[in-house]
N, C-alpha and C. Protein backbone atom coordinates (compact mmCIF):
# COMPACT_ATOMS: atom_id res chain seq x y z
N MET A 1 12.26 10.78 65.03
CA MET A 1 13.57 9.78 64.40
C MET A 1 12.57 8.71 64.07
N ARG A 2 11.96 7.97 65.33
CA ARG A 2 11.02 6.97 64.90
C ARG A 2 10.39 6.88 63.24
N LEU A 3 9.74 8.27 63.09
CA LEU A 3 9.18 8.14 61.95
C LEU A 3 9.96 8.29 60.34
N LEU A 4 11.16 8.99 60.83
CA LEU A 4 12.11 8.99 59.79
C LEU A 4 12.59 7.49 59.65
N LEU A 5 12.92 7.05 60.39
CA LEU A 5 13.32 5.62 60.62
C LEU A 5 12.59 5.13 59.75
N PHE A 6 10.93 4.91 59.92
CA PHE A 6 9.97 3.85 59.51
C PHE A 6 9.91 4.47 57.84
N ALA A 7 9.91 6.06 57.58
CA ALA A 7 9.89 6.32 55.92
C ALA A 7 10.92 5.52 55.21
N VAL A 8 12.47 5.69 55.96
CA VAL A 8 13.42 5.57 55.06
C VAL A 8 13.39 3.83 54.69
N VAL A 9 13.04 2.92 55.55
CA VAL A 9 13.11 1.70 55.60
C VAL A 9 11.71 0.99 54.76
N SER A 10 10.53 1.84 54.86
CA SER A 10 9.70 1.81 53.88
C SER A 10 9.97 2.18 52.26
N PHE A 11 10.67 3.08 52.28
CA PHE A 11 11.15 3.43 50.87
C PHE A 11 11.69 2.60 50.28
N CYS A 12 12.73 1.67 51.03
CA CYS A 12 13.78 0.57 50.54
C CYS A 12 12.82 -0.48 50.27
N LEU A 13 12.12 -0.84 51.07
CA LEU A 13 11.99 -2.21 50.66
C LEU A 13 10.49 -2.07 49.50
N LEU A 14 9.77 -0.76 49.29
CA LEU A 14 9.23 -0.54 48.22
C LEU A 14 9.64 -0.14 46.97
N ALA A 15 11.16 0.36 47.07
CA ALA A 15 12.10 0.19 45.49
C ALA A 15 12.60 -0.92 45.38
N ILE A 16 12.58 -2.20 46.05
CA ILE A 16 13.49 -3.08 45.98
C ILE A 16 13.03 -3.77 44.55
N PRO A 17 11.74 -4.04 44.73
CA PRO A 17 11.17 -4.54 43.17
C PRO A 17 11.45 -4.13 42.17
N VAL A 18 11.36 -2.60 42.43
CA VAL A 18 11.79 -2.05 40.92
C VAL A 18 13.29 -2.14 40.29
N TYR A 19 14.16 -2.15 41.24
CA TYR A 19 15.64 -2.53 41.18
C TYR A 19 15.79 -3.68 40.40
N ALA A 20 15.11 -4.88 41.09
CA ALA A 20 14.87 -6.04 41.06
C ALA A 20 14.54 -6.41 39.32
N GLN A 21 13.95 -5.64 38.70
CA GLN A 21 13.08 -5.92 37.25
C GLN A 21 14.68 -5.96 36.42
N THR A 22 14.80 -6.69 35.72
CA THR A 22 15.62 -7.04 34.30
C THR A 22 15.34 -6.18 33.46
N VAL A 23 16.42 -4.85 32.73
CA VAL A 23 16.14 -4.44 31.91
C VAL A 23 16.34 -5.18 30.49
N PRO A 24 15.59 -5.35 29.65
CA PRO A 24 15.83 -5.85 28.67
C PRO A 24 16.86 -5.31 27.36
N VAL A 25 17.31 -6.27 27.03
CA VAL A 25 18.78 -5.72 26.25
C VAL A 25 18.26 -5.74 24.66
N SER A 26 17.20 -6.68 24.33
CA SER A 26 16.43 -6.83 23.02
C SER A 26 15.26 -7.01 23.11
N TYR A 27 14.60 -7.34 21.82
CA TYR A 27 13.11 -7.74 21.88
C TYR A 27 12.79 -8.89 20.90
N ASP A 28 12.25 -9.81 20.94
CA ASP A 28 11.98 -11.20 19.98
C ASP A 28 10.79 -10.64 19.44
N LEU A 29 10.37 -10.27 17.99
CA LEU A 29 9.26 -9.95 17.62
C LEU A 29 9.08 -11.21 16.72
N THR A 30 8.07 -11.72 17.66
CA THR A 30 7.61 -13.32 16.46
C THR A 30 5.91 -13.61 15.73
N ILE A 31 6.14 -14.09 14.97
CA ILE A 31 4.89 -13.82 13.85
C ILE A 31 4.57 -15.36 13.78
N TYR A 32 3.14 -15.45 14.32
CA TYR A 32 2.77 -17.50 13.99
C TYR A 32 2.02 -17.12 13.02
N THR A 33 1.26 -17.97 11.95
CA THR A 33 0.76 -18.39 11.11
C THR A 33 -0.63 -19.44 11.88
N PRO A 34 -1.72 -19.07 11.69
CA PRO A 34 -2.45 -19.63 12.43
C PRO A 34 -2.40 -21.30 11.92
N GLY A 35 -2.56 -22.17 12.57
CA GLY A 35 -2.41 -23.60 12.19
C GLY A 35 -1.31 -24.05 11.83
N SER A 36 0.04 -23.47 11.97
CA SER A 36 1.19 -23.45 12.16
C SER A 36 2.00 -23.77 13.03
N PRO A 37 2.89 -24.75 13.22
CA PRO A 37 3.85 -25.05 14.20
C PRO A 37 5.12 -24.04 14.48
N VAL A 38 5.17 -23.61 13.30
CA VAL A 38 6.89 -22.80 13.09
C VAL A 38 6.07 -21.48 13.33
N ALA A 39 6.81 -20.39 13.83
CA ALA A 39 7.07 -19.32 13.94
C ALA A 39 8.61 -18.27 13.32
N GLN A 40 8.01 -16.97 13.00
CA GLN A 40 9.08 -16.52 12.50
C GLN A 40 9.51 -15.54 13.86
N THR A 41 10.67 -15.48 14.14
CA THR A 41 11.46 -14.55 15.20
C THR A 41 12.26 -13.70 14.60
N ARG A 42 12.50 -12.43 15.03
CA ARG A 42 13.61 -11.01 14.53
C ARG A 42 13.83 -10.67 16.12
N ASN A 43 14.92 -10.85 16.18
CA ASN A 43 15.42 -10.05 17.67
C ASN A 43 15.99 -8.59 16.92
N VAL A 44 15.51 -7.72 18.16
CA VAL A 44 15.55 -6.36 17.85
C VAL A 44 16.05 -5.85 19.00
N LEU A 45 17.42 -5.09 18.62
CA LEU A 45 18.23 -4.78 19.87
C LEU A 45 17.35 -3.58 20.62
N ALA A 46 17.20 -3.22 22.05
CA ALA A 46 16.89 -2.21 22.61
C ALA A 46 17.11 -1.14 22.08
N SER A 47 18.26 -0.55 21.84
CA SER A 47 18.69 0.59 21.16
C SER A 47 18.55 1.07 20.08
N ALA A 48 17.68 -0.21 19.12
CA ALA A 48 17.03 0.35 18.27
C ALA A 48 15.36 0.57 18.03
N VAL A 49 14.93 0.05 19.39
CA VAL A 49 13.75 0.14 19.90
C VAL A 49 13.09 1.81 20.35
N GLN A 50 12.36 2.71 19.65
CA GLN A 50 11.62 3.72 20.22
C GLN A 50 10.58 3.73 21.13
N CYS A 51 10.79 4.20 22.71
CA CYS A 51 9.76 4.25 23.60
C CYS A 51 9.58 5.58 23.53
N ASP A 52 8.20 5.74 24.50
CA ASP A 52 7.63 7.23 24.72
C ASP A 52 6.91 7.63 23.41
N GLN A 53 6.34 6.82 22.88
CA GLN A 53 5.73 7.01 21.93
C GLN A 53 4.20 7.18 21.71
N PRO A 54 3.49 7.70 21.24
CA PRO A 54 1.89 8.30 21.33
C PRO A 54 1.45 6.86 20.96
N THR A 55 -0.10 6.92 21.27
CA THR A 55 -1.11 5.80 20.96
C THR A 55 -0.78 5.74 19.38
N PRO A 56 -1.03 4.21 19.14
CA PRO A 56 -0.31 4.44 17.30
C PRO A 56 -2.06 4.16 16.76
N ILE A 57 -1.83 5.09 15.55
CA ILE A 57 -2.96 5.20 14.79
C ILE A 57 -2.78 4.38 13.41
N GLY A 58 -3.64 3.86 13.26
CA GLY A 58 -3.57 2.69 11.53
C GLY A 58 -4.67 1.67 11.71
N THR A 59 -4.07 0.84 11.27
CA THR A 59 -5.02 -0.32 10.72
C THR A 59 -3.87 -1.81 11.25
N ASN A 60 -4.53 -2.80 11.17
CA ASN A 60 -3.75 -4.19 11.60
C ASN A 60 -3.53 -4.81 10.20
N VAL A 61 -4.13 -4.18 8.82
CA VAL A 61 -3.75 -4.86 7.71
C VAL A 61 -2.72 -3.92 6.91
N ASN A 62 -1.83 -4.69 6.72
CA ASN A 62 -0.50 -4.65 6.05
C ASN A 62 0.07 -3.66 6.78
N PRO A 63 0.67 -3.96 8.16
CA PRO A 63 1.26 -3.12 8.91
C PRO A 63 2.72 -2.97 8.78
N THR A 64 3.52 -2.01 8.98
CA THR A 64 4.77 -1.79 8.98
C THR A 64 5.73 -1.97 10.19
N THR A 65 4.93 -1.67 11.37
CA THR A 65 5.42 -1.06 12.50
C THR A 65 5.03 -2.11 13.94
N TRP A 66 5.74 -2.88 14.47
CA TRP A 66 5.28 -2.97 16.07
C TRP A 66 5.08 -2.27 16.94
N PHE A 67 4.03 -2.07 17.91
CA PHE A 67 3.90 -1.21 18.85
C PHE A 67 3.33 -2.21 20.03
N TRP A 68 4.32 -1.73 21.56
CA TRP A 68 3.71 -2.44 22.77
C TRP A 68 3.56 -1.22 24.00
N ASN A 69 3.02 -1.83 24.92
CA ASN A 69 3.13 -0.66 25.98
C ASN A 69 4.55 -0.35 26.56
N ASP A 70 4.90 0.72 26.90
CA ASP A 70 6.05 1.37 27.29
C ASP A 70 5.88 0.72 28.56
N PRO A 71 7.12 0.19 29.13
CA PRO A 71 7.28 -0.51 30.48
C PRO A 71 7.69 0.78 31.63
N GLY A 72 8.07 1.90 30.89
CA GLY A 72 8.41 2.95 31.63
C GLY A 72 7.66 4.27 31.91
N ARG A 73 6.66 4.29 30.91
CA ARG A 73 5.91 5.57 30.83
C ARG A 73 4.12 4.85 30.63
N SER A 74 3.36 5.03 31.72
CA SER A 74 2.22 4.66 31.45
C SER A 74 1.28 5.30 30.34
N GLY A 75 0.42 4.77 29.32
CA GLY A 75 -0.44 5.27 28.32
C GLY A 75 0.64 5.51 27.00
N ARG A 76 1.73 5.69 27.32
CA ARG A 76 3.10 5.40 25.96
C ARG A 76 3.18 4.19 25.07
N PHE A 77 3.77 4.06 23.91
CA PHE A 77 3.80 2.91 23.47
C PHE A 77 5.65 3.06 22.87
N CYS A 78 6.02 1.69 22.85
CA CYS A 78 7.95 1.80 22.35
C CYS A 78 7.17 1.04 20.57
N LYS A 79 7.81 0.97 19.91
CA LYS A 79 7.60 0.81 18.74
C LYS A 79 9.21 0.22 17.87
N ALA A 80 9.35 -0.54 17.05
CA ALA A 80 9.94 -1.50 16.13
C ALA A 80 9.87 -1.60 14.61
N ASP A 81 10.23 -1.14 14.06
CA ASP A 81 10.20 -0.99 12.23
C ASP A 81 10.53 -2.12 12.22
N ASP A 82 9.58 -2.87 11.03
CA ASP A 82 9.65 -4.69 10.42
C ASP A 82 9.23 -4.68 9.07
N THR A 83 9.29 -3.09 8.37
CA THR A 83 8.69 -2.90 7.31
C THR A 83 9.45 -4.03 6.03
N THR A 84 10.38 -4.84 5.91
CA THR A 84 10.76 -5.48 5.18
C THR A 84 10.33 -6.74 5.31
N ARG A 85 10.38 -6.90 6.44
CA ARG A 85 10.08 -8.42 6.82
C ARG A 85 8.44 -8.81 6.91
N LEU A 86 7.59 -7.70 7.17
CA LEU A 86 6.10 -7.68 6.97
C LEU A 86 5.79 -7.84 5.82
N ALA A 87 6.38 -6.69 4.77
CA ALA A 87 6.08 -6.54 3.36
C ALA A 87 5.96 -8.03 2.98
N ALA A 88 7.08 -8.79 3.09
CA ALA A 88 7.42 -10.22 2.56
C ALA A 88 6.49 -11.21 2.97
N LEU A 89 5.77 -11.01 3.88
CA LEU A 89 4.71 -12.22 4.00
C LEU A 89 3.60 -12.59 2.90
N GLY A 90 3.28 -13.56 2.87
CA GLY A 90 2.46 -13.64 1.72
C GLY A 90 0.93 -13.24 2.47
N ASP A 91 -0.18 -13.02 1.85
CA ASP A 91 -1.41 -12.87 1.77
C ASP A 91 -2.25 -14.09 2.84
N GLY A 92 -2.66 -13.55 3.98
CA GLY A 92 -3.18 -14.34 5.26
C GLY A 92 -3.37 -13.46 6.13
N SER A 93 -3.50 -14.64 7.13
CA SER A 93 -4.04 -13.80 8.51
C SER A 93 -2.80 -14.49 9.28
N TYR A 94 -2.26 -13.58 10.29
CA TYR A 94 -1.24 -14.20 11.35
C TYR A 94 -1.43 -13.36 12.52
N ASN A 95 -0.60 -14.02 13.62
CA ASN A 95 -0.59 -12.84 14.70
C ASN A 95 0.86 -12.83 15.49
N GLY A 96 1.20 -11.96 16.07
CA GLY A 96 2.24 -11.49 16.47
C GLY A 96 2.23 -11.37 17.62
N THR A 97 3.67 -11.53 18.71
CA THR A 97 3.71 -11.54 20.06
C THR A 97 5.09 -10.64 20.34
N VAL A 98 5.42 -10.24 21.31
CA VAL A 98 6.78 -9.73 21.88
C VAL A 98 7.38 -10.31 22.94
N PHE A 99 8.61 -10.80 22.92
CA PHE A 99 9.18 -11.18 24.00
C PHE A 99 10.60 -10.25 24.46
N PRO A 100 10.39 -9.68 25.89
CA PRO A 100 11.56 -8.80 25.83
C PRO A 100 12.78 -10.10 26.54
N VAL A 101 14.23 -9.79 26.04
CA VAL A 101 14.89 -10.59 25.98
C VAL A 101 16.17 -9.87 27.16
N ALA A 102 16.46 -10.92 28.20
CA ALA A 102 17.68 -10.14 29.19
C ALA A 102 18.89 -10.54 28.82
N ALA A 103 20.03 -9.74 29.26
CA ALA A 103 21.53 -9.81 28.68
C ALA A 103 21.89 -11.49 28.90
N ASP A 104 21.59 -12.16 29.53
CA ASP A 104 22.00 -13.67 29.48
C ASP A 104 21.04 -14.46 28.64
N GLY A 105 20.15 -14.15 27.67
CA GLY A 105 19.40 -14.58 27.00
C GLY A 105 18.16 -15.27 27.16
N THR A 106 17.57 -14.81 28.50
CA THR A 106 16.58 -15.13 28.89
C THR A 106 15.13 -14.55 28.45
N ARG A 107 14.68 -15.00 28.22
CA ARG A 107 13.07 -14.19 27.76
C ARG A 107 12.30 -14.41 28.67
N GLY A 108 11.32 -13.05 28.53
CA GLY A 108 10.44 -12.97 29.66
C GLY A 108 9.29 -13.00 28.94
N ALA A 109 8.31 -12.82 29.52
CA ALA A 109 6.96 -13.56 29.18
C ALA A 109 6.44 -12.91 28.02
N GLU A 110 5.68 -14.12 27.40
CA GLU A 110 5.21 -13.32 26.04
C GLU A 110 4.44 -12.76 25.94
N SER A 111 4.04 -11.39 25.40
CA SER A 111 2.71 -10.18 25.00
C SER A 111 1.41 -11.12 24.79
N ALA A 112 0.60 -10.64 24.68
CA ALA A 112 -0.66 -11.21 24.41
C ALA A 112 -0.48 -11.25 22.98
N SER A 113 -1.18 -11.71 21.99
CA SER A 113 -1.25 -12.30 20.80
C SER A 113 -2.06 -10.80 20.19
N ALA A 114 -1.36 -10.31 18.98
CA ALA A 114 -2.07 -9.02 18.17
C ALA A 114 -2.28 -9.72 16.96
N PRO A 115 -3.69 -9.87 16.09
CA PRO A 115 -3.65 -10.53 14.66
C PRO A 115 -4.06 -9.50 13.91
N PHE A 116 -3.36 -9.67 12.91
CA PHE A 116 -2.90 -8.61 11.87
C PHE A 116 -3.31 -9.44 10.38
N SER A 117 -3.20 -8.88 9.69
CA SER A 117 -3.32 -9.71 7.88
C SER A 117 -2.62 -8.82 6.89
N ARG A 118 -2.27 -10.10 6.14
CA ARG A 118 -1.20 -9.21 4.94
C ARG A 118 -2.29 -9.47 3.87
N LEU A 119 -2.16 -8.48 3.15
CA LEU A 119 -3.23 -8.23 1.70
C LEU A 119 -3.03 -7.27 0.33
N ARG A 120 -2.54 -7.88 -0.29
CA ARG A 120 -2.08 -7.19 -1.58
C ARG A 120 -3.44 -6.61 -2.57
N PRO A 121 -3.39 -5.65 -3.01
CA PRO A 121 -4.13 -5.31 -4.40
C PRO A 121 -4.19 -6.23 -4.85
N PRO A 122 -5.03 -6.37 -5.73
CA PRO A 122 -5.42 -7.29 -6.88
C PRO A 122 -4.80 -7.05 -7.78
N PRO A 123 -4.38 -7.60 -8.82
CA PRO A 123 -3.50 -7.08 -9.95
C PRO A 123 -4.04 -6.26 -10.80
N PRO A 124 -3.57 -5.56 -11.37
CA PRO A 124 -4.11 -4.30 -12.74
C PRO A 124 -4.83 -5.59 -13.71
N PRO A 125 -6.11 -5.37 -14.09
CA PRO A 125 -6.67 -6.01 -15.42
C PRO A 125 -5.41 -6.42 -16.38
N ALA A 126 -5.98 -7.61 -17.28
CA ALA A 126 -4.81 -8.24 -18.17
C ALA A 126 -5.04 -7.24 -19.44
N ALA A 127 -4.09 -6.81 -20.01
CA ALA A 127 -3.80 -5.98 -21.38
C ALA A 127 -4.69 -6.81 -22.12
N VAL A 128 -5.08 -5.45 -23.25
CA VAL A 128 -6.37 -5.65 -24.14
C VAL A 128 -5.59 -6.27 -25.26
N THR A 129 -6.11 -7.15 -25.54
CA THR A 129 -5.34 -7.84 -27.11
C THR A 129 -6.40 -7.51 -28.20
N GLY A 130 -5.48 -7.88 -29.37
CA GLY A 130 -6.51 -7.52 -30.90
C GLY A 130 -6.80 -5.95 -31.00
N VAL A 131 -5.92 -5.48 -30.78
CA VAL A 131 -6.38 -3.86 -31.16
C VAL A 131 -5.82 -3.54 -32.54
N GLN A 132 -7.24 -2.78 -33.02
CA GLN A 132 -6.49 -2.56 -34.72
C GLN A 132 -7.30 -1.07 -34.62
N LEU A 133 -6.75 -0.22 -35.21
CA LEU A 133 -6.89 0.81 -36.13
C LEU A 133 -7.41 0.88 -37.48
N SER A 134 -8.57 1.55 -37.99
CA SER A 134 -8.51 1.50 -39.07
C SER A 134 -9.07 2.72 -39.75
N ARG A 135 -9.59 3.28 -40.78
CA ARG A 135 -10.24 4.21 -41.50
C ARG A 135 -10.87 3.38 -42.35
């Protein structure tokens, strides 16, 4: 009986930290330009975030999607599409971070900074002028 009581009490004590965690209702996706004191922030509802995703494969040049570790599943990721805003950035280097946000507006800890760059292809060659055809 003591062993059963000990097991129940131990389970309750170990489970408290899990229940004490605040579940985010949204995430702030923040873009910093190196050397600039101003950041761009976009808030995304948690319902728009897709978790339990596989490891992202790709590059950090011209990204379209944010990825971060899934808090519910080890080794998996959450993702949020930000194609329009990321495509509108000028060419250059940037850093991105993610903040979880609670229902009362309290922000959690900022994620580690992830560098990325925006690089458009060079414009096509200038039009040829002075073309003439002759016989």
